């Protein structure tokens, strides 16, 4: 049954990711990967809320973890796109933005989860 929850959550996460991509295309004028950054950071926030804010609920309800953590957050965040967009920045000679994308994405992602772990 967990496969079905992962499937549903992953589909909803992927559709949400696509919606953010469409929405940020209109706002972004440069080559910066704003959609991927936004999706990854929001996925970290959702993951942190689920893991640290609703820990008891996760443990008592078997379907929430496969649906929300593995499925939705897995479909919503995207390491492969982040990696490709960073390589694209390097190939374009935009080293500053490539390094900034690496540092800021990792710092924000881990920082959000650490902050939630310590504050919830």
Protein backbone atom coordinates (compact mmCIF):
# COMPACT_ATOMS: atom_id res chain seq x y z
CA UNK A 1 0.00 0.00 0.00
CA UNK A 2 2.92 2.37 0.66
CA UNK A 3 3.77 2.31 -3.06
CA UNK A 4 0.40 3.88 -3.82
CA UNK A 5 0.96 6.64 -1.24
CA UNK A 6 4.42 7.36 -2.65
CA UNK A 7 2.95 7.40 -6.16
CA UNK A 8 0.17 9.84 -5.26
CA UNK A 9 2.44 12.09 -3.19
CA UNK A 10 5.14 12.06 -5.87
CA UNK A 11 2.65 13.02 -8.54
CA UNK A 12 1.28 15.90 -6.48
CA UNK A 13 4.82 17.04 -5.63
CA UNK A 14 5.85 16.95 -9.29
CA UNK A 15 2.78 18.90 -10.38
CA UNK A 16 3.47 21.47 -7.67
CA UNK A 17 7.09 21.72 -8.81
CA UNK A 18 5.93 22.30 -12.38
CA UNK A 19 3.54 25.02 -11.19
CA UNK A 20 6.36 26.81 -9.39
CA UNK A 21 8.48 26.53 -12.53
CA UNK A 22 5.75 28.15 -14.62
CA UNK A 23 5.14 30.86 -12.02
CA UNK A 24 8.78 31.83 -11.62
CA UNK A 25 9.42 31.95 -15.39
CA UNK A 26 7.28 35.08 -15.54
CA UNK A 27 9.15 36.73 -12.66
CA UNK A 28 12.72 35.69 -13.52
CA UNK A 29 14.60 37.57 -16.21
CA UNK A 30 18.06 36.01 -15.86
CA UNK A 31 19.61 32.57 -16.00
CA UNK A 32 19.38 31.98 -12.27
CA UNK A 33 17.58 28.74 -11.36
CA UNK A 34 14.95 30.40 -9.15
CA UNK A 35 12.29 27.71 -9.69
CA UNK A 36 14.53 24.88 -8.53
CA UNK A 37 15.82 26.88 -5.59
CA UNK A 38 12.26 27.79 -4.54
CA UNK A 39 11.01 24.21 -4.86
CA UNK A 40 13.95 22.77 -2.95
CA UNK A 41 13.67 25.28 -0.11
CA UNK A 42 9.89 24.82 0.17
CA UNK A 43 10.40 21.04 0.18
CA UNK A 44 12.85 21.44 3.08
CA UNK A 45 10.29 23.55 4.96
CA UNK A 46 7.54 20.99 4.36
CA UNK A 47 9.89 18.16 5.34
CA UNK A 48 10.93 19.98 8.50
CA UNK A 49 7.33 20.68 9.50
CA UNK A 50 6.39 17.05 8.88
CA UNK A 51 9.38 15.47 10.61
CA UNK A 52 9.75 17.84 13.55
CA UNK A 53 6.33 19.44 13.91
CA UNK A 54 4.19 16.36 13.42
CA UNK A 55 6.53 13.64 14.69
CA UNK A 56 3.84 11.92 16.75
CA UNK A 57 1.40 11.94 13.85
CA UNK A 58 4.02 10.42 11.54
CA UNK A 59 4.65 7.60 13.96
CA UNK A 60 0.97 6.86 14.57
CA UNK A 61 -0.31 7.15 10.99
CA UNK A 62 1.45 4.77 8.60
CA UNK A 63 0.52 6.44 5.28
CA UNK A 64 1.68 10.01 6.03
CA UNK A 65 5.43 9.38 5.80
CA UNK A 66 5.36 7.58 2.42
CA UNK A 67 2.88 10.12 1.04
CA UNK A 68 4.39 13.36 2.34
CA UNK A 69 8.10 12.73 2.93
CA UNK A 70 9.04 10.20 0.28
CA UNK A 71 6.33 11.03 -2.25
CA UNK A 72 5.48 14.72 -2.12
CA UNK A 73 8.83 16.10 -0.95
CA UNK A 74 10.68 13.70 -3.26
CA UNK A 75 8.63 14.81 -6.26
CA UNK A 76 8.67 18.47 -5.27
CA UNK A 77 12.39 18.86 -4.67
CA UNK A 78 14.88 18.09 -7.38
CA UNK A 79 18.56 17.39 -6.90
CA UNK A 80 19.06 16.42 -10.53
CA UNK A 81 17.69 19.72 -11.88
CA UNK A 82 19.72 21.66 -9.31
CA UNK A 83 22.87 19.84 -10.41
CA UNK A 84 22.21 20.39 -14.12
CA UNK A 85 21.40 24.07 -13.66
CA UNK A 86 24.59 24.54 -11.65
CA UNK A 87 26.62 22.85 -14.42
CA UNK A 88 24.86 25.10 -16.96
CA UNK A 89 25.95 28.17 -14.99
CA UNK A 90 29.54 26.87 -14.96
CA UNK A 91 29.46 26.19 -18.72
CA UNK A 92 28.19 29.73 -19.29
CA UNK A 93 31.15 31.06 -17.35
CA UNK A 94 28.93 32.30 -14.52
CA UNK A 95 31.13 30.89 -11.78
CA UNK A 96 29.95 33.34 -9.14
CA UNK A 97 26.30 32.33 -9.60
CA UNK A 98 27.20 28.62 -9.77
CA UNK A 99 29.10 28.75 -6.49
CA UNK A 100 26.43 30.96 -4.93
CA UNK A 101 23.76 28.45 -6.01
CA UNK A 102 25.69 25.61 -4.37
CA UNK A 103 26.43 27.43 -1.12
CA UNK A 104 23.04 29.12 -0.70
CA UNK A 105 21.01 26.03 -1.60
CA UNK A 106 22.90 23.76 0.78
CA UNK A 107 23.08 26.34 3.56
CA UNK A 108 19.38 27.18 3.35
CA UNK A 109 18.25 23.55 3.04
CA UNK A 110 20.28 22.27 5.96
CA UNK A 111 19.78 25.50 7.93
CA UNK A 112 15.99 25.26 7.65
CA UNK A 113 15.97 21.69 8.90
CA UNK A 114 18.36 22.44 11.76
CA UNK A 115 16.34 25.50 12.76
CA UNK A 116 13.11 23.48 12.76
CA UNK A 117 14.68 20.64 14.70
CA UNK A 118 15.85 23.01 17.42
CA UNK A 119 12.78 25.27 17.51
CA UNK A 120 9.93 22.75 17.42
